[in-house]
């Protein structure tokens, strides 16, 4: 099995970073995992491999709970983000609706690619749902842990849909076995050497 790339963490806060790529496949930047969830960070990312971070703070990649206990492997997960470049409306529609016309066509272009990686850390609660292959239970747990601005009203349906797409891909490509995260072993201790590095 090919060696997996080490997760990237911030030297300053010791927390996980997400990698963003541009349309050429080059690294466009790093983003704190908390920023991905709609929270703010008080500093810019200072990326380094997890093995170079003393005592990294490993959070659950699913519900963001502290003290992740397990690492799962799956196919590399990516998400393409698109930017709106133009919206077309009908002039008559625009006038009759008092400047509140429906959009007839939206043109977009590639903005960034979010790389989620091949390793997913899980707290014990999420790990129990993964082991039971309970996709909807995992989505419910993750949505309940998200900020209200992402799960209020119509946002809840969109958020659950995005989680369903992402986690279905994780479940479909999940490799057998899992690594146990322990102090001094941020990449996990695997039951056999084929599972990953320790």
N, C-alpha and C. Protein backbone atom coordinates (compact mmCIF):
# COMPACT_ATOMS: atom_id res chain seq x y z
N UNK A 1 0.85 -1.18 0.00
CA UNK A 1 0.00 0.00 0.00
C UNK A 1 0.89 1.24 0.00
N UNK A 2 0.51 2.27 -0.72
CA UNK A 2 1.29 3.50 -0.79
C UNK A 2 1.27 4.21 0.57
N UNK A 3 2.37 4.89 0.85
CA UNK A 3 2.43 5.64 2.09
C UNK A 3 1.50 6.84 2.03
N UNK A 4 0.81 7.09 3.10
CA UNK A 4 -0.10 8.22 3.17
C UNK A 4 0.66 9.47 3.58
N UNK A 5 0.25 10.60 3.03
CA UNK A 5 0.87 11.87 3.41
C UNK A 5 0.49 12.19 4.85
N UNK A 6 1.47 12.72 5.58
CA UNK A 6 1.20 13.10 6.97
C UNK A 6 0.21 14.25 7.02
N UNK A 7 -0.67 14.25 8.00
CA UNK A 7 -1.56 15.40 8.18
C UNK A 7 -0.74 16.66 8.50
N UNK A 8 -1.25 17.80 8.08
CA UNK A 8 -0.58 19.09 8.31
C UNK A 8 -1.26 19.78 9.48
N UNK A 9 -0.44 20.26 10.41
CA UNK A 9 -0.92 20.95 11.61
C UNK A 9 -0.26 22.32 11.71
N UNK A 10 -0.82 23.19 12.53
CA UNK A 10 -0.29 24.53 12.75
C UNK A 10 0.73 24.49 13.89
N UNK A 11 1.92 25.04 13.64
CA UNK A 11 2.97 25.07 14.68
C UNK A 11 2.54 25.91 15.88
N UNK A 12 1.76 26.94 15.62
CA UNK A 12 1.41 27.90 16.68
C UNK A 12 0.35 27.37 17.64
N UNK A 13 -0.75 26.87 17.10
CA UNK A 13 -1.85 26.41 17.97
C UNK A 13 -1.91 24.89 18.11
N UNK A 14 -1.09 24.16 17.32
CA UNK A 14 -0.99 22.70 17.37
C UNK A 14 -2.27 21.99 16.92
N UNK A 15 -3.08 22.68 16.11
CA UNK A 15 -4.35 22.10 15.62
C UNK A 15 -4.25 21.83 14.12
N UNK A 16 -5.17 20.98 13.64
CA UNK A 16 -5.17 20.56 12.25
C UNK A 16 -5.45 21.68 11.27
N UNK A 17 -4.85 21.57 10.08
CA UNK A 17 -5.06 22.52 8.99
C UNK A 17 -5.63 21.77 7.79
N UNK A 18 -6.48 22.43 7.03
CA UNK A 18 -6.98 21.90 5.77
C UNK A 18 -6.19 22.56 4.65
N UNK A 19 -5.92 21.81 3.60
CA UNK A 19 -5.15 22.31 2.46
C UNK A 19 -6.11 22.70 1.36
N UNK A 20 -5.84 23.86 0.75
CA UNK A 20 -6.64 24.31 -0.39
C UNK A 20 -5.74 24.42 -1.61
N UNK A 21 -6.24 23.92 -2.75
CA UNK A 21 -5.49 23.95 -4.00
C UNK A 21 -6.18 24.87 -4.99
N UNK A 22 -5.39 25.50 -5.89
CA UNK A 22 -5.98 26.31 -6.95
C UNK A 22 -6.31 25.41 -8.14
N UNK A 23 -6.76 26.01 -9.25
CA UNK A 23 -7.17 25.21 -10.40
C UNK A 23 -6.00 24.53 -11.11
N UNK A 24 -4.76 24.90 -10.78
CA UNK A 24 -3.58 24.26 -11.35
C UNK A 24 -3.08 23.09 -10.50
N UNK A 25 -3.73 22.87 -9.36
CA UNK A 25 -3.32 21.80 -8.47
C UNK A 25 -2.21 22.19 -7.51
N UNK A 26 -1.88 23.48 -7.46
CA UNK A 26 -0.85 23.97 -6.54
C UNK A 26 -1.50 24.39 -5.23
N UNK A 27 -0.76 24.28 -4.14
CA UNK A 27 -1.30 24.67 -2.84
C UNK A 27 -1.55 26.18 -2.84
N UNK A 28 -2.81 26.54 -2.60
CA UNK A 28 -3.20 27.95 -2.57
C UNK A 28 -3.19 28.50 -1.16
N UNK A 29 -3.23 27.63 -0.18
CA UNK A 29 -3.21 28.09 1.20
C UNK A 29 -3.66 27.01 2.16
N UNK A 30 -3.59 27.37 3.42
CA UNK A 30 -4.00 26.48 4.50
C UNK A 30 -5.09 27.17 5.30
N UNK A 31 -5.96 26.39 5.88
CA UNK A 31 -7.08 26.93 6.64
C UNK A 31 -7.24 26.09 7.90
N UNK A 32 -7.35 26.77 9.04
CA UNK A 32 -7.60 26.04 10.29
C UNK A 32 -8.92 25.29 10.16
N UNK A 33 -8.97 24.10 10.70
CA UNK A 33 -10.19 23.30 10.63
C UNK A 33 -11.36 24.05 11.26
N UNK A 34 -11.11 24.83 12.31
CA UNK A 34 -12.18 25.61 12.95
C UNK A 34 -12.74 26.65 11.99
N UNK A 35 -11.88 27.24 11.15
CA UNK A 35 -12.35 28.22 10.17
C UNK A 35 -13.24 27.56 9.13
N UNK A 36 -12.96 26.31 8.82
CA UNK A 36 -13.79 25.56 7.88
C UNK A 36 -15.20 25.39 8.44
N UNK A 37 -15.32 25.36 9.75
CA UNK A 37 -16.62 25.19 10.41
C UNK A 37 -17.30 26.53 10.68
N UNK A 38 -16.73 27.64 10.21
CA UNK A 38 -17.35 28.94 10.38
C UNK A 38 -16.87 29.73 11.58
N UNK A 39 -15.88 29.22 12.31
CA UNK A 39 -15.33 29.95 13.44
C UNK A 39 -14.13 30.76 12.97
N UNK A 40 -13.56 31.57 13.85
CA UNK A 40 -12.43 32.42 13.48
C UNK A 40 -11.18 32.00 14.22
N UNK A 41 -10.04 32.26 13.60
CA UNK A 41 -8.75 32.00 14.23
C UNK A 41 -8.06 33.33 14.45
N UNK A 42 -7.29 33.43 15.53
CA UNK A 42 -6.62 34.70 15.85
C UNK A 42 -5.23 34.80 15.23
N UNK A 43 -4.85 33.83 14.38
CA UNK A 43 -3.54 33.88 13.75
C UNK A 43 -3.57 33.15 12.41
N UNK A 44 -2.55 33.46 11.59
CA UNK A 44 -2.43 32.80 10.29
C UNK A 44 -1.83 31.41 10.49
N UNK A 45 -2.18 30.46 9.65
CA UNK A 45 -1.63 29.11 9.78
C UNK A 45 -0.11 29.08 9.59
N UNK A 46 0.55 28.28 10.39
CA UNK A 46 1.99 28.02 10.26
C UNK A 46 2.13 26.51 10.06
N UNK A 47 2.03 26.03 8.80
CA UNK A 47 1.94 24.59 8.53
C UNK A 47 3.21 23.80 8.81
N UNK A 48 3.02 22.59 9.32
CA UNK A 48 4.10 21.62 9.54
C UNK A 48 3.47 20.23 9.63
N UNK A 49 4.22 19.18 9.28
CA UNK A 49 3.70 17.82 9.45
C UNK A 49 3.42 17.53 10.92
N UNK A 50 2.42 16.72 11.17
CA UNK A 50 2.00 16.44 12.55
C UNK A 50 3.13 15.86 13.40
N UNK A 51 4.04 15.11 12.79
CA UNK A 51 5.13 14.51 13.56
C UNK A 51 6.15 15.54 14.04
N UNK A 52 6.10 16.76 13.51
CA UNK A 52 7.00 17.83 13.96
C UNK A 52 6.35 18.72 15.01
N UNK A 53 5.11 18.43 15.38
CA UNK A 53 4.38 19.24 16.35
C UNK A 53 4.44 18.54 17.71
N UNK A 54 4.99 19.22 18.73
CA UNK A 54 4.99 18.60 20.06
C UNK A 54 3.58 18.57 20.65
N UNK A 55 3.13 17.41 21.05
CA UNK A 55 1.82 17.23 21.68
C UNK A 55 0.69 17.89 20.88
N UNK A 56 0.44 17.42 19.63
CA UNK A 56 -0.62 18.02 18.81
C UNK A 56 -2.00 17.83 19.43
N UNK A 57 -2.87 18.79 19.19
CA UNK A 57 -4.26 18.71 19.65
C UNK A 57 -5.06 18.07 18.51
N UNK A 58 -5.39 16.81 18.68
CA UNK A 58 -6.07 16.06 17.62
C UNK A 58 -7.56 16.01 17.93
N UNK A 59 -8.33 16.71 17.10
CA UNK A 59 -9.78 16.76 17.26
C UNK A 59 -10.44 15.77 16.31
N UNK A 60 -11.65 15.40 16.63
CA UNK A 60 -12.44 14.53 15.76
C UNK A 60 -12.72 15.26 14.45
N UNK A 61 -12.40 14.64 13.32
CA UNK A 61 -12.65 15.25 12.01
C UNK A 61 -14.13 15.29 11.67
N UNK A 62 -14.93 14.58 12.42
CA UNK A 62 -16.36 14.54 12.15
C UNK A 62 -17.10 15.58 12.99
N UNK A 63 -17.08 15.44 14.32
CA UNK A 63 -17.88 16.33 15.19
C UNK A 63 -17.04 17.39 15.90
N UNK A 64 -15.73 17.40 15.69
CA UNK A 64 -14.80 18.38 16.28
C UNK A 64 -14.61 18.23 17.78
N UNK A 65 -14.99 17.11 18.34
CA UNK A 65 -14.78 16.87 19.77
C UNK A 65 -13.28 16.75 20.03
N UNK A 66 -12.83 17.23 21.18
CA UNK A 66 -11.41 17.07 21.52
C UNK A 66 -11.10 15.61 21.82
N UNK A 67 -9.84 15.29 21.83
CA UNK A 67 -9.41 13.93 22.20
C UNK A 67 -9.89 12.86 21.22
N UNK A 68 -9.51 13.00 19.96
CA UNK A 68 -9.82 11.94 18.99
C UNK A 68 -9.13 10.65 19.43
N UNK A 69 -9.80 9.53 19.25
CA UNK A 69 -9.29 8.25 19.74
C UNK A 69 -8.84 7.31 18.63
N UNK A 70 -9.36 7.49 17.42
CA UNK A 70 -9.12 6.54 16.34
C UNK A 70 -8.81 7.26 15.04
N UNK A 71 -8.11 6.57 14.13
CA UNK A 71 -7.86 7.06 12.78
C UNK A 71 -8.38 6.02 11.80
N UNK A 72 -9.14 6.49 10.82
CA UNK A 72 -9.64 5.63 9.75
C UNK A 72 -8.99 6.06 8.44
N UNK A 73 -8.85 5.10 7.52
CA UNK A 73 -8.30 5.38 6.20
C UNK A 73 -9.37 5.17 5.14
N UNK A 74 -9.35 6.04 4.12
CA UNK A 74 -10.26 5.90 2.99
C UNK A 74 -9.59 6.55 1.79
N UNK A 75 -10.26 6.57 0.66
CA UNK A 75 -9.73 7.24 -0.52
C UNK A 75 -9.65 8.74 -0.25
N UNK A 76 -8.72 9.40 -0.91
CA UNK A 76 -8.54 10.84 -0.73
C UNK A 76 -9.84 11.56 -1.10
N UNK A 77 -10.32 12.40 -0.23
CA UNK A 77 -11.57 13.13 -0.44
C UNK A 77 -11.26 14.57 -0.83
N UNK A 78 -11.87 15.05 -1.90
CA UNK A 78 -11.70 16.44 -2.32
C UNK A 78 -13.06 17.05 -2.62
N UNK A 79 -13.14 18.36 -2.47
CA UNK A 79 -14.35 19.11 -2.78
C UNK A 79 -13.95 20.32 -3.62
N UNK A 80 -14.60 20.49 -4.76
CA UNK A 80 -14.33 21.66 -5.60
C UNK A 80 -15.29 22.78 -5.24
N UNK A 81 -14.73 23.95 -4.97
CA UNK A 81 -15.55 25.14 -4.72
C UNK A 81 -15.57 25.98 -5.99
N UNK A 82 -16.72 26.51 -6.32
CA UNK A 82 -16.85 27.33 -7.52
C UNK A 82 -17.25 28.75 -7.13
N UNK A 83 -16.83 29.69 -7.96
CA UNK A 83 -17.12 31.11 -7.73
C UNK A 83 -18.10 31.57 -8.80
N UNK A 84 -19.11 32.34 -8.41
CA UNK A 84 -20.09 32.88 -9.36
C UNK A 84 -19.44 34.03 -10.11
N UNK A 85 -19.46 33.95 -11.46
CA UNK A 85 -18.87 35.01 -12.28
C UNK A 85 -19.94 35.89 -12.93
N UNK A 86 -21.14 35.35 -13.14
CA UNK A 86 -22.21 36.15 -13.75
C UNK A 86 -23.56 35.52 -13.45
N UNK A 87 -24.57 36.39 -13.33
CA UNK A 87 -25.94 35.93 -13.18
C UNK A 87 -26.80 36.68 -14.19
N UNK A 88 -27.65 35.95 -14.90
CA UNK A 88 -28.49 36.54 -15.94
C UNK A 88 -29.93 36.57 -15.45
N UNK A 89 -30.57 37.74 -15.58
CA UNK A 89 -31.97 37.90 -15.23
C UNK A 89 -32.71 38.50 -16.42
N UNK A 90 -34.01 38.32 -16.48
CA UNK A 90 -34.83 38.92 -17.53
C UNK A 90 -35.14 40.36 -17.15
N UNK A 91 -35.01 41.28 -18.09
CA UNK A 91 -35.28 42.69 -17.81
C UNK A 91 -36.73 42.88 -17.40
N UNK A 92 -37.67 42.25 -18.12
CA UNK A 92 -39.09 42.38 -17.78
C UNK A 92 -39.37 41.82 -16.39
N UNK A 93 -38.78 40.69 -16.09
CA UNK A 93 -38.94 40.08 -14.78
C UNK A 93 -38.37 41.02 -13.70
N UNK A 94 -37.25 41.64 -14.01
CA UNK A 94 -36.59 42.55 -13.07
C UNK A 94 -37.50 43.74 -12.74
N UNK A 95 -38.13 44.30 -13.78
CA UNK A 95 -39.02 45.46 -13.58
C UNK A 95 -40.31 45.07 -12.85
N UNK A 96 -40.93 43.97 -13.27
CA UNK A 96 -42.21 43.58 -12.68
C UNK A 96 -42.07 43.08 -11.24
N UNK A 97 -40.91 42.66 -10.86
CA UNK A 97 -40.70 42.16 -9.50
C UNK A 97 -40.02 43.22 -8.63
N UNK A 98 -39.99 44.45 -9.09
CA UNK A 98 -39.43 45.57 -8.32
C UNK A 98 -37.97 45.30 -7.92
N UNK A 99 -37.17 45.02 -8.92
CA UNK A 99 -35.72 44.81 -8.75
C UNK A 99 -35.39 43.56 -7.94
N UNK A 100 -36.28 42.58 -7.96
CA UNK A 100 -36.04 41.33 -7.22
C UNK A 100 -36.26 40.14 -8.15
N UNK A 101 -35.65 40.18 -9.32
CA UNK A 101 -35.86 39.15 -10.33
C UNK A 101 -35.20 37.83 -9.95
N UNK A 102 -35.80 36.76 -10.47
CA UNK A 102 -35.19 35.44 -10.31
C UNK A 102 -34.01 35.32 -11.26
N UNK A 103 -33.03 34.59 -10.86
CA UNK A 103 -31.86 34.36 -11.71
C UNK A 103 -32.21 33.29 -12.74
N UNK A 104 -32.00 33.61 -14.02
CA UNK A 104 -32.30 32.68 -15.12
C UNK A 104 -31.11 31.75 -15.40
N UNK A 105 -29.90 32.27 -15.23
CA UNK A 105 -28.70 31.48 -15.49
C UNK A 105 -27.57 32.00 -14.60
N UNK A 106 -26.77 31.09 -14.11
CA UNK A 106 -25.61 31.46 -13.30
C UNK A 106 -24.37 30.84 -13.92
N UNK A 107 -23.36 31.67 -14.18
CA UNK A 107 -22.08 31.18 -14.70
C UNK A 107 -21.09 31.14 -13.55
N UNK A 108 -20.32 30.05 -13.50
CA UNK A 108 -19.34 29.89 -12.43
C UNK A 108 -17.99 29.51 -13.00
N UNK A 109 -16.97 29.63 -12.16
CA UNK A 109 -15.63 29.16 -12.51
C UNK A 109 -15.03 28.48 -11.29
N UNK A 110 -14.01 27.68 -11.51
CA UNK A 110 -13.35 26.98 -10.40
C UNK A 110 -12.68 28.01 -9.49
N UNK A 111 -12.87 27.86 -8.19
CA UNK A 111 -12.24 28.76 -7.23
C UNK A 111 -11.12 28.03 -6.51
N UNK A 112 -11.46 27.09 -5.68
CA UNK A 112 -10.48 26.33 -4.91
C UNK A 112 -10.91 24.87 -4.81
N UNK A 113 -9.95 24.01 -4.57
CA UNK A 113 -10.22 22.61 -4.28
C UNK A 113 -9.83 22.36 -2.84
N UNK A 114 -10.77 21.86 -2.05
CA UNK A 114 -10.52 21.54 -0.65
C UNK A 114 -10.10 20.09 -0.57
N UNK A 115 -8.90 19.83 -0.04
CA UNK A 115 -8.41 18.46 0.12
C UNK A 115 -8.66 18.00 1.55
N UNK A 116 -9.50 16.99 1.71
CA UNK A 116 -9.84 16.48 3.04
C UNK A 116 -8.87 15.40 3.48
N UNK A 117 -8.20 14.75 2.55
CA UNK A 117 -7.20 13.76 2.90
C UNK A 117 -7.72 12.34 2.95
N UNK A 118 -6.81 11.43 3.30
CA UNK A 118 -7.11 10.00 3.36
C UNK A 118 -7.28 9.51 4.78
N UNK A 119 -6.82 10.28 5.74
CA UNK A 119 -6.93 9.89 7.16
C UNK A 119 -8.01 10.74 7.82
N UNK A 120 -8.89 10.08 8.54
CA UNK A 120 -9.96 10.77 9.26
C UNK A 120 -9.88 10.34 10.73
N UNK A 121 -9.73 11.32 11.62
CA UNK A 121 -9.70 11.01 13.05
C UNK A 121 -11.13 11.04 13.59
N UNK A 122 -11.39 10.21 14.59
CA UNK A 122 -12.74 10.12 15.15
C UNK A 122 -12.67 9.98 16.67
N UNK A 123 -13.59 10.66 17.35
CA UNK A 123 -13.74 10.48 18.79
C UNK A 123 -14.45 9.13 19.00
N UNK A 124 -14.57 8.70 20.24
CA UNK A 124 -15.18 7.40 20.50
C UNK A 124 -16.64 7.36 20.04
N UNK A 125 -17.39 8.46 20.25
CA UNK A 125 -18.80 8.50 19.83
C UNK A 125 -18.97 8.34 18.33
N UNK A 126 -18.17 9.07 17.54
CA UNK A 126 -18.25 8.96 16.09
C UNK A 126 -17.71 7.60 15.62
N UNK A 127 -16.65 7.11 16.29
CA UNK A 127 -16.09 5.81 15.93
C UNK A 127 -17.12 4.69 16.10
N UNK A 128 -17.93 4.77 17.14
CA UNK A 128 -18.97 3.76 17.35
C UNK A 128 -19.96 3.76 16.18
N UNK A 129 -20.31 4.95 15.68
CA UNK A 129 -21.24 5.05 14.54
C UNK A 129 -20.58 4.57 13.26
N UNK A 130 -19.28 4.84 13.09
CA UNK A 130 -18.55 4.38 11.90
C UNK A 130 -18.46 2.85 11.92
N UNK A 131 -18.12 2.29 13.06
CA UNK A 131 -18.02 0.83 13.17
C UNK A 131 -19.36 0.16 12.89
N UNK A 132 -20.46 0.81 13.28
CA UNK A 132 -21.80 0.27 13.02
C UNK A 132 -22.28 0.61 11.61
N UNK A 133 -21.48 1.38 10.86
CA UNK A 133 -21.83 1.86 9.52
C UNK A 133 -23.16 2.60 9.53
N UNK A 134 -23.37 3.41 10.57
CA UNK A 134 -24.60 4.19 10.74
C UNK A 134 -24.38 5.59 10.16
N UNK A 135 -24.54 5.73 8.84
CA UNK A 135 -24.30 6.99 8.15
C UNK A 135 -25.21 8.10 8.68
N UNK A 136 -26.50 7.83 8.82
CA UNK A 136 -27.43 8.86 9.25
C UNK A 136 -27.23 9.24 10.72
N UNK A 137 -26.84 8.29 11.54
CA UNK A 137 -26.50 8.61 12.93
C UNK A 137 -25.29 9.52 13.01
N UNK A 138 -24.29 9.27 12.15
CA UNK A 138 -23.09 10.11 12.12
C UNK A 138 -23.44 11.52 11.64
N UNK A 139 -24.25 11.62 10.59
CA UNK A 139 -24.67 12.93 10.09
C UNK A 139 -25.42 13.70 11.17
N UNK A 140 -26.32 13.03 11.88
CA UNK A 140 -27.08 13.67 12.96
C UNK A 140 -26.13 14.19 14.05
N UNK A 141 -25.17 13.35 14.45
CA UNK A 141 -24.23 13.73 15.50
C UNK A 141 -23.39 14.95 15.08
N UNK A 142 -22.91 14.93 13.84
CA UNK A 142 -22.08 16.03 13.34
C UNK A 142 -22.90 17.31 13.21
N UNK A 143 -24.11 17.22 12.65
CA UNK A 143 -24.95 18.41 12.49
C UNK A 143 -25.32 19.01 13.85
N UNK A 144 -25.56 18.17 14.85
CA UNK A 144 -25.88 18.66 16.19
C UNK A 144 -24.71 19.41 16.81
N UNK A 145 -23.48 19.08 16.42
CA UNK A 145 -22.29 19.73 16.98
C UNK A 145 -21.89 21.00 16.23
N UNK A 146 -22.54 21.28 15.10
CA UNK A 146 -22.17 22.45 14.29
C UNK A 146 -22.77 23.73 14.85
N UNK A 147 -22.16 24.89 14.49
CA UNK A 147 -22.74 26.16 14.92
C UNK A 147 -24.15 26.34 14.35
N UNK A 148 -24.99 27.04 15.07
CA UNK A 148 -26.39 27.23 14.67
C UNK A 148 -26.52 27.89 13.31
N UNK A 149 -25.59 28.77 12.95
CA UNK A 149 -25.71 29.46 11.66
C UNK A 149 -25.60 28.50 10.47
N UNK A 150 -25.06 27.31 10.69
CA UNK A 150 -24.97 26.31 9.63
C UNK A 150 -26.11 25.30 9.67
N UNK A 151 -26.90 25.30 10.73
CA UNK A 151 -27.95 24.29 10.88
C UNK A 151 -29.32 24.88 11.15
N UNK A 152 -29.46 26.17 11.05
CA UNK A 152 -30.75 26.82 11.32
C UNK A 152 -31.56 26.90 10.03
N UNK A 153 -32.84 26.57 10.12
CA UNK A 153 -33.76 26.72 8.98
C UNK A 153 -33.34 25.92 7.77
N UNK A 154 -33.35 26.60 6.60
CA UNK A 154 -33.03 25.92 5.34
C UNK A 154 -31.56 25.51 5.25
N UNK A 155 -30.71 26.07 6.09
CA UNK A 155 -29.30 25.70 6.07
C UNK A 155 -29.10 24.26 6.53
N UNK A 156 -29.97 23.77 7.40
CA UNK A 156 -29.84 22.41 7.92
C UNK A 156 -29.92 21.37 6.80
N UNK A 157 -30.87 21.55 5.88
CA UNK A 157 -31.03 20.60 4.79
C UNK A 157 -29.78 20.60 3.89
N UNK A 158 -29.27 21.78 3.57
CA UNK A 158 -28.07 21.87 2.73
C UNK A 158 -26.87 21.25 3.45
N UNK A 159 -26.71 21.57 4.74
CA UNK A 159 -25.58 21.04 5.51
C UNK A 159 -25.64 19.52 5.59
N UNK A 160 -26.82 18.97 5.88
CA UNK A 160 -26.95 17.51 5.94
C UNK A 160 -26.70 16.87 4.58
N UNK A 161 -27.11 17.54 3.51
CA UNK A 161 -26.85 17.02 2.16
C UNK A 161 -25.36 16.98 1.85
N UNK A 162 -24.64 18.04 2.22
CA UNK A 162 -23.19 18.07 1.99
C UNK A 162 -22.49 17.01 2.83
N UNK A 163 -22.93 16.85 4.08
CA UNK A 163 -22.35 15.82 4.94
C UNK A 163 -22.63 14.42 4.37
N UNK A 164 -23.84 14.23 3.85
CA UNK A 164 -24.21 12.93 3.27
C UNK A 164 -23.28 12.61 2.10
N UNK A 165 -23.06 13.58 1.21
CA UNK A 165 -22.17 13.35 0.07
C UNK A 165 -20.76 13.00 0.52
N UNK A 166 -20.23 13.78 1.45
CA UNK A 166 -18.86 13.58 1.92
C UNK A 166 -18.70 12.26 2.66
N UNK A 167 -19.60 11.98 3.58
CA UNK A 167 -19.45 10.78 4.41
C UNK A 167 -19.82 9.50 3.66
N UNK A 168 -20.68 9.59 2.66
CA UNK A 168 -20.96 8.42 1.83
C UNK A 168 -19.68 7.99 1.12
N UNK A 169 -18.93 8.97 0.61
CA UNK A 169 -17.65 8.65 -0.04
C UNK A 169 -16.67 8.05 0.96
N UNK A 170 -16.66 8.56 2.18
CA UNK A 170 -15.78 8.00 3.21
C UNK A 170 -16.19 6.55 3.50
N UNK A 171 -17.47 6.31 3.74
CA UNK A 171 -17.95 4.95 4.06
C UNK A 171 -17.70 3.99 2.89
N UNK A 172 -17.91 4.46 1.65
CA UNK A 172 -17.75 3.59 0.48
C UNK A 172 -16.30 3.16 0.26
N UNK A 173 -15.34 3.98 0.69
CA UNK A 173 -13.93 3.67 0.44
C UNK A 173 -13.16 3.36 1.72
N UNK A 174 -13.87 3.14 2.81
CA UNK A 174 -13.23 2.88 4.10
C UNK A 174 -12.40 1.60 4.05
N UNK A 175 -11.13 1.72 4.43
CA UNK A 175 -10.23 0.56 4.46
C UNK A 175 -10.48 -0.22 5.75
N UNK A 176 -10.24 -1.52 5.73
CA UNK A 176 -10.42 -2.31 6.96
C UNK A 176 -9.43 -1.87 8.04
N UNK A 177 -9.86 -1.99 9.27
CA UNK A 177 -9.00 -1.66 10.41
C UNK A 177 -9.03 -0.18 10.75
N UNK A 178 -8.41 0.13 11.88
CA UNK A 178 -8.30 1.51 12.32
C UNK A 178 -7.10 1.61 13.25
N UNK A 179 -6.55 2.81 13.33
CA UNK A 179 -5.40 3.04 14.21
C UNK A 179 -5.84 3.74 15.48
N UNK A 180 -5.24 3.36 16.59
CA UNK A 180 -5.58 3.98 17.87
C UNK A 180 -4.58 5.10 18.16
N UNK A 181 -5.11 6.30 18.40
CA UNK A 181 -4.28 7.46 18.71
C UNK A 181 -3.90 7.40 20.19
N UNK A 182 -2.61 7.49 20.45
CA UNK A 182 -2.11 7.49 21.83
C UNK A 182 -1.05 8.58 21.95
N UNK A 183 -0.73 9.03 23.16
CA UNK A 183 0.34 10.01 23.31
C UNK A 183 1.64 9.48 22.70
N UNK A 184 2.28 10.31 21.91
CA UNK A 184 3.51 9.90 21.23
C UNK A 184 3.29 9.20 19.91
N UNK A 185 2.05 8.87 19.57
CA UNK A 185 1.72 8.20 18.31
C UNK A 185 0.56 8.93 17.62
N UNK A 186 0.80 10.16 17.10
CA UNK A 186 -0.29 10.92 16.49
C UNK A 186 -0.81 10.32 15.19
N UNK A 187 -0.03 9.41 14.57
CA UNK A 187 -0.50 8.76 13.35
C UNK A 187 -1.20 7.45 13.65
N UNK A 188 -1.30 7.12 14.94
CA UNK A 188 -2.03 5.94 15.38
C UNK A 188 -1.19 4.68 15.44
N UNK A 189 -1.61 3.78 16.30
CA UNK A 189 -1.02 2.44 16.39
C UNK A 189 -2.01 1.51 15.71
N UNK A 190 -1.53 0.87 14.65
CA UNK A 190 -2.39 0.02 13.84
C UNK A 190 -2.18 -1.44 14.21
N UNK A 191 -3.21 -2.27 14.08
CA UNK A 191 -3.09 -3.68 14.46
C UNK A 191 -2.06 -4.44 13.64
N UNK A 192 -1.76 -3.99 12.42
CA UNK A 192 -0.71 -4.60 11.61
C UNK A 192 0.03 -3.50 10.86
N UNK A 193 1.18 -3.79 10.31
CA UNK A 193 1.99 -2.77 9.65
C UNK A 193 1.40 -2.27 8.35
N UNK A 194 0.49 -3.03 7.72
CA UNK A 194 -0.13 -2.58 6.47
C UNK A 194 -1.13 -1.46 6.71
N UNK A 195 -1.57 -1.25 7.95
CA UNK A 195 -2.59 -0.25 8.25
C UNK A 195 -2.09 1.16 8.23
N UNK A 196 -0.84 1.42 8.49
CA UNK A 196 -0.33 2.78 8.49
C UNK A 196 0.87 2.89 9.40
N UNK A 197 1.42 4.08 9.45
CA UNK A 197 2.61 4.32 10.26
C UNK A 197 2.23 4.52 11.70
N UNK A 198 3.14 4.21 12.59
CA UNK A 198 2.88 4.46 14.02
C UNK A 198 3.73 5.58 14.53
